[in-house]
Amino acid sequence: MKVDEATVRRIARLARIRIDDVEAGRLVGELSSILTWVEQLEEVNTDGVEPMTSVVNAQIKMRQDEVTDGGYLDRILANAPSVEDGYFIVPKVVE
């Protein structure tokens, strides 16, 4: 697929990236070569290949889904400048 400079500028605008004329010209070639490479990947026969999340066939260890407080409230509150009854004390910001 061939990308033109107008497409590059539109992509840059959508991504909120400012590019100058030199960069736009350079990116035309780079994006065209990337899309050509992706088109080559479409030619690969993937029939019978199952999707995978890792190159290693490993099972994830399952655990019970239970709600806890973490068990280390004292360590968390130790970093706070001001604490009362297990809560952070912060300055009032709304009247």
N, C-alpha and C. Protein backbone atom coordinates (compact mmCIF):
# COMPACT_ATOMS: atom_id res chain seq x y z
N MET A 1 0.85 -1.18 0.00
CA MET A 1 0.00 0.00 0.00
C MET A 1 0.89 1.24 0.00
N LYS A 2 0.56 2.16 -0.82
CA LYS A 2 1.33 3.40 -0.93
C LYS A 2 0.64 4.48 -0.10
N VAL A 3 1.41 5.17 0.70
CA VAL A 3 0.91 6.26 1.53
C VAL A 3 1.39 7.57 0.92
N ASP A 4 0.49 8.54 0.83
CA ASP A 4 0.90 9.84 0.31
C ASP A 4 1.08 10.83 1.46
N GLU A 5 1.58 12.00 1.13
CA GLU A 5 1.89 12.99 2.16
C GLU A 5 0.63 13.49 2.86
N ALA A 6 -0.48 13.58 2.14
CA ALA A 6 -1.74 14.01 2.75
C ALA A 6 -2.18 13.03 3.84
N THR A 7 -2.00 11.73 3.58
CA THR A 7 -2.35 10.72 4.58
C THR A 7 -1.45 10.83 5.80
N VAL A 8 -0.16 11.05 5.57
CA VAL A 8 0.78 11.21 6.68
C VAL A 8 0.39 12.42 7.54
N ARG A 9 0.05 13.51 6.90
CA ARG A 9 -0.34 14.71 7.65
C ARG A 9 -1.64 14.48 8.42
N ARG A 10 -2.57 13.73 7.84
CA ARG A 10 -3.83 13.43 8.53
C ARG A 10 -3.57 12.55 9.75
N ILE A 11 -2.73 11.55 9.60
CA ILE A 11 -2.38 10.67 10.73
C ILE A 11 -1.71 11.49 11.82
N ALA A 12 -0.79 12.36 11.44
CA ALA A 12 -0.10 13.20 12.42
C ALA A 12 -1.09 14.11 13.15
N ARG A 13 -2.04 14.66 12.42
CA ARG A 13 -3.03 15.54 13.06
C ARG A 13 -3.90 14.74 14.03
N LEU A 14 -4.33 13.54 13.62
CA LEU A 14 -5.14 12.72 14.51
C LEU A 14 -4.37 12.30 15.76
N ALA A 15 -3.06 12.08 15.60
CA ALA A 15 -2.22 11.70 16.73
C ALA A 15 -1.73 12.91 17.52
N ARG A 16 -2.10 14.09 17.05
CA ARG A 16 -1.67 15.34 17.67
C ARG A 16 -0.15 15.45 17.73
N ILE A 17 0.47 15.13 16.58
CA ILE A 17 1.92 15.22 16.43
C ILE A 17 2.21 16.28 15.38
N ARG A 18 3.06 17.22 15.73
CA ARG A 18 3.43 18.27 14.79
C ARG A 18 4.63 17.78 13.98
N ILE A 19 4.50 17.81 12.64
CA ILE A 19 5.60 17.41 11.77
C ILE A 19 5.84 18.51 10.75
N ASP A 20 7.10 18.63 10.33
CA ASP A 20 7.41 19.61 9.28
C ASP A 20 7.47 18.91 7.93
N ASP A 21 7.79 19.66 6.88
CA ASP A 21 7.79 19.11 5.53
C ASP A 21 8.81 17.99 5.35
N VAL A 22 9.99 18.15 5.96
CA VAL A 22 11.04 17.14 5.85
C VAL A 22 10.59 15.83 6.50
N GLU A 23 10.03 15.94 7.70
CA GLU A 23 9.56 14.74 8.40
C GLU A 23 8.41 14.07 7.65
N ALA A 24 7.51 14.86 7.09
CA ALA A 24 6.39 14.30 6.34
C ALA A 24 6.89 13.48 5.15
N GLY A 25 7.88 14.00 4.44
CA GLY A 25 8.43 13.27 3.31
C GLY A 25 9.11 11.98 3.73
N ARG A 26 9.82 12.02 4.85
CA ARG A 26 10.49 10.83 5.36
C ARG A 26 9.48 9.79 5.82
N LEU A 27 8.40 10.26 6.47
CA LEU A 27 7.40 9.34 7.00
C LEU A 27 6.58 8.68 5.90
N VAL A 28 6.45 9.31 4.74
CA VAL A 28 5.76 8.69 3.61
C VAL A 28 6.44 7.36 3.28
N GLY A 29 7.75 7.39 3.15
CA GLY A 29 8.50 6.17 2.83
C GLY A 29 8.44 5.14 3.93
N GLU A 30 8.59 5.59 5.18
CA GLU A 30 8.59 4.65 6.31
C GLU A 30 7.24 3.96 6.46
N LEU A 31 6.16 4.74 6.42
CA LEU A 31 4.84 4.13 6.58
C LEU A 31 4.49 3.22 5.40
N SER A 32 4.90 3.58 4.20
CA SER A 32 4.66 2.72 3.04
C SER A 32 5.38 1.39 3.20
N SER A 33 6.62 1.41 3.67
CA SER A 33 7.37 0.16 3.83
C SER A 33 6.78 -0.70 4.95
N ILE A 34 6.28 -0.07 6.01
CA ILE A 34 5.65 -0.82 7.11
C ILE A 34 4.38 -1.50 6.60
N LEU A 35 3.56 -0.77 5.85
CA LEU A 35 2.32 -1.36 5.34
C LEU A 35 2.59 -2.44 4.31
N THR A 36 3.66 -2.31 3.53
CA THR A 36 4.04 -3.36 2.58
C THR A 36 4.42 -4.63 3.34
N TRP A 37 5.14 -4.48 4.44
CA TRP A 37 5.53 -5.62 5.26
C TRP A 37 4.29 -6.30 5.85
N VAL A 38 3.31 -5.51 6.31
CA VAL A 38 2.08 -6.08 6.85
C VAL A 38 1.32 -6.83 5.76
N GLU A 39 1.30 -6.32 4.56
CA GLU A 39 0.65 -7.02 3.45
C GLU A 39 1.33 -8.36 3.18
N GLN A 40 2.64 -8.44 3.34
CA GLN A 40 3.34 -9.71 3.16
C GLN A 40 2.91 -10.71 4.23
N LEU A 41 2.64 -10.24 5.44
CA LEU A 41 2.20 -11.14 6.50
C LEU A 41 0.84 -11.75 6.19
N GLU A 42 0.00 -11.04 5.45
CA GLU A 42 -1.31 -11.56 5.09
C GLU A 42 -1.21 -12.77 4.17
N GLU A 43 -0.09 -12.96 3.51
CA GLU A 43 0.09 -14.09 2.61
C GLU A 43 0.40 -15.39 3.35
N VAL A 44 0.75 -15.30 4.62
CA VAL A 44 1.11 -16.49 5.39
C VAL A 44 -0.14 -17.31 5.70
N ASN A 45 -0.07 -18.62 5.46
CA ASN A 45 -1.18 -19.52 5.72
C ASN A 45 -1.24 -19.82 7.22
N THR A 46 -2.30 -19.38 7.87
CA THR A 46 -2.44 -19.60 9.31
C THR A 46 -3.59 -20.55 9.63
N ASP A 47 -4.04 -21.32 8.64
CA ASP A 47 -5.11 -22.28 8.89
C ASP A 47 -4.64 -23.32 9.89
N GLY A 48 -5.46 -23.58 10.88
CA GLY A 48 -5.12 -24.59 11.88
C GLY A 48 -4.20 -24.10 12.98
N VAL A 49 -3.81 -22.86 12.96
CA VAL A 49 -2.94 -22.32 14.01
C VAL A 49 -3.82 -21.64 15.04
N GLU A 50 -3.75 -22.14 16.27
CA GLU A 50 -4.58 -21.58 17.33
C GLU A 50 -3.95 -20.30 17.87
N PRO A 51 -4.78 -19.33 18.24
CA PRO A 51 -4.24 -18.11 18.84
C PRO A 51 -3.52 -18.44 20.15
N MET A 52 -2.49 -17.68 20.45
CA MET A 52 -1.76 -17.93 21.68
C MET A 52 -1.37 -16.61 22.33
N THR A 53 -1.18 -16.66 23.63
CA THR A 53 -0.80 -15.46 24.37
C THR A 53 0.67 -15.46 24.74
N SER A 54 1.33 -16.58 24.52
CA SER A 54 2.74 -16.70 24.87
C SER A 54 3.38 -17.75 23.97
N VAL A 55 4.68 -17.67 23.80
CA VAL A 55 5.38 -18.67 23.00
C VAL A 55 5.62 -19.94 23.80
N VAL A 56 5.43 -19.87 25.11
CA VAL A 56 5.61 -21.02 25.98
C VAL A 56 4.23 -21.53 26.38
N ASN A 57 4.00 -22.82 26.25
CA ASN A 57 2.72 -23.41 26.62
C ASN A 57 2.71 -23.61 28.13
N ALA A 58 2.18 -22.63 28.86
CA ALA A 58 2.16 -22.70 30.31
C ALA A 58 0.75 -22.40 30.81
N GLN A 59 0.40 -23.01 31.90
CA GLN A 59 -0.90 -22.77 32.52
C GLN A 59 -0.73 -21.71 33.61
N ILE A 60 -1.68 -20.80 33.68
CA ILE A 60 -1.66 -19.78 34.72
C ILE A 60 -2.19 -20.38 36.01
N LYS A 61 -1.49 -20.10 37.10
CA LYS A 61 -1.95 -20.59 38.39
C LYS A 61 -3.19 -19.81 38.79
N MET A 62 -4.23 -20.54 39.13
CA MET A 62 -5.49 -19.92 39.51
C MET A 62 -5.55 -19.78 41.03
N ARG A 63 -6.20 -18.73 41.49
CA ARG A 63 -6.41 -18.54 42.91
C ARG A 63 -7.84 -18.10 43.13
N GLN A 64 -8.28 -18.19 44.35
CA GLN A 64 -9.63 -17.76 44.69
C GLN A 64 -9.74 -16.25 44.54
N ASP A 65 -10.85 -15.82 44.02
CA ASP A 65 -11.11 -14.39 43.87
C ASP A 65 -11.80 -13.91 45.14
N GLU A 66 -11.02 -13.32 46.03
CA GLU A 66 -11.58 -12.87 47.29
C GLU A 66 -11.14 -11.45 47.58
N VAL A 67 -12.00 -10.71 48.23
CA VAL A 67 -11.73 -9.32 48.56
C VAL A 67 -11.01 -9.27 49.89
N THR A 68 -9.87 -8.58 49.92
CA THR A 68 -9.13 -8.39 51.17
C THR A 68 -8.69 -6.94 51.27
N ASP A 69 -8.21 -6.56 52.43
CA ASP A 69 -7.71 -5.20 52.61
C ASP A 69 -6.21 -5.13 52.32
N GLY A 70 -5.63 -6.22 51.89
CA GLY A 70 -4.21 -6.24 51.58
C GLY A 70 -3.36 -6.70 52.74
N GLY A 71 -3.81 -6.42 53.96
CA GLY A 71 -3.10 -6.90 55.14
C GLY A 71 -1.89 -6.07 55.55
N TYR A 72 -1.69 -4.92 54.96
CA TYR A 72 -0.54 -4.11 55.34
C TYR A 72 -0.90 -2.63 55.44
N LEU A 73 -2.01 -2.36 56.13
CA LEU A 73 -2.47 -1.00 56.32
C LEU A 73 -1.44 -0.15 57.05
N ASP A 74 -0.77 -0.72 58.04
CA ASP A 74 0.22 0.04 58.81
C ASP A 74 1.38 0.51 57.94
N ARG A 75 1.82 -0.31 57.00
CA ARG A 75 2.92 0.10 56.11
C ARG A 75 2.48 1.21 55.17
N ILE A 76 1.23 1.16 54.72
CA ILE A 76 0.72 2.21 53.83
C ILE A 76 0.59 3.52 54.58
N LEU A 77 0.00 3.47 55.76
CA LEU A 77 -0.21 4.69 56.53
C LEU A 77 1.09 5.26 57.09
N ALA A 78 2.15 4.47 57.14
CA ALA A 78 3.43 4.97 57.65
C ALA A 78 3.99 6.09 56.78
N ASN A 79 3.61 6.14 55.51
CA ASN A 79 4.10 7.18 54.60
C ASN A 79 3.27 8.45 54.64
N ALA A 80 2.14 8.41 55.32
CA ALA A 80 1.24 9.57 55.33
C ALA A 80 1.72 10.62 56.32
N PRO A 81 1.60 11.90 55.97
CA PRO A 81 1.99 12.95 56.91
C PRO A 81 1.03 13.06 58.09
N SER A 82 -0.25 12.68 57.88
CA SER A 82 -1.23 12.79 58.96
C SER A 82 -2.25 11.67 58.82
N VAL A 83 -2.51 10.94 59.94
CA VAL A 83 -3.40 9.79 59.93
C VAL A 83 -4.32 9.87 61.14
N GLU A 84 -5.58 9.45 60.96
CA GLU A 84 -6.51 9.37 62.08
C GLU A 84 -7.46 8.20 61.85
N ASP A 85 -7.57 7.30 62.79
CA ASP A 85 -8.47 6.14 62.75
C ASP A 85 -8.28 5.30 61.48
N GLY A 86 -7.04 5.16 61.01
CA GLY A 86 -6.76 4.33 59.85
C GLY A 86 -7.03 5.00 58.52
N TYR A 87 -7.19 6.33 58.51
CA TYR A 87 -7.45 7.08 57.28
C TYR A 87 -6.42 8.18 57.12
N PHE A 88 -6.16 8.55 55.86
CA PHE A 88 -5.30 9.71 55.58
C PHE A 88 -6.06 10.98 55.95
N ILE A 89 -5.38 11.94 56.53
CA ILE A 89 -5.95 13.26 56.80
C ILE A 89 -5.38 14.20 55.74
N VAL A 90 -6.28 14.84 54.98
CA VAL A 90 -5.86 15.76 53.94
C VAL A 90 -6.53 17.12 54.15
N PRO A 91 -5.94 18.18 53.62
CA PRO A 91 -6.56 19.49 53.77
C PRO A 91 -7.90 19.55 53.05
N LYS A 92 -8.82 20.29 53.60
CA LYS A 92 -10.13 20.46 52.98
C LYS A 92 -9.97 21.32 51.73
N VAL A 93 -10.56 20.87 50.61
CA VAL A 93 -10.43 21.60 49.35
C VAL A 93 -11.76 22.15 48.84
N VAL A 94 -12.87 21.69 49.42
CA VAL A 94 -14.19 22.14 49.00
C VAL A 94 -14.90 22.72 50.22
N GLU A 95 -15.47 23.87 50.07
CA GLU A 95 -16.22 24.49 51.17
C GLU A 95 -17.64 24.01 51.18
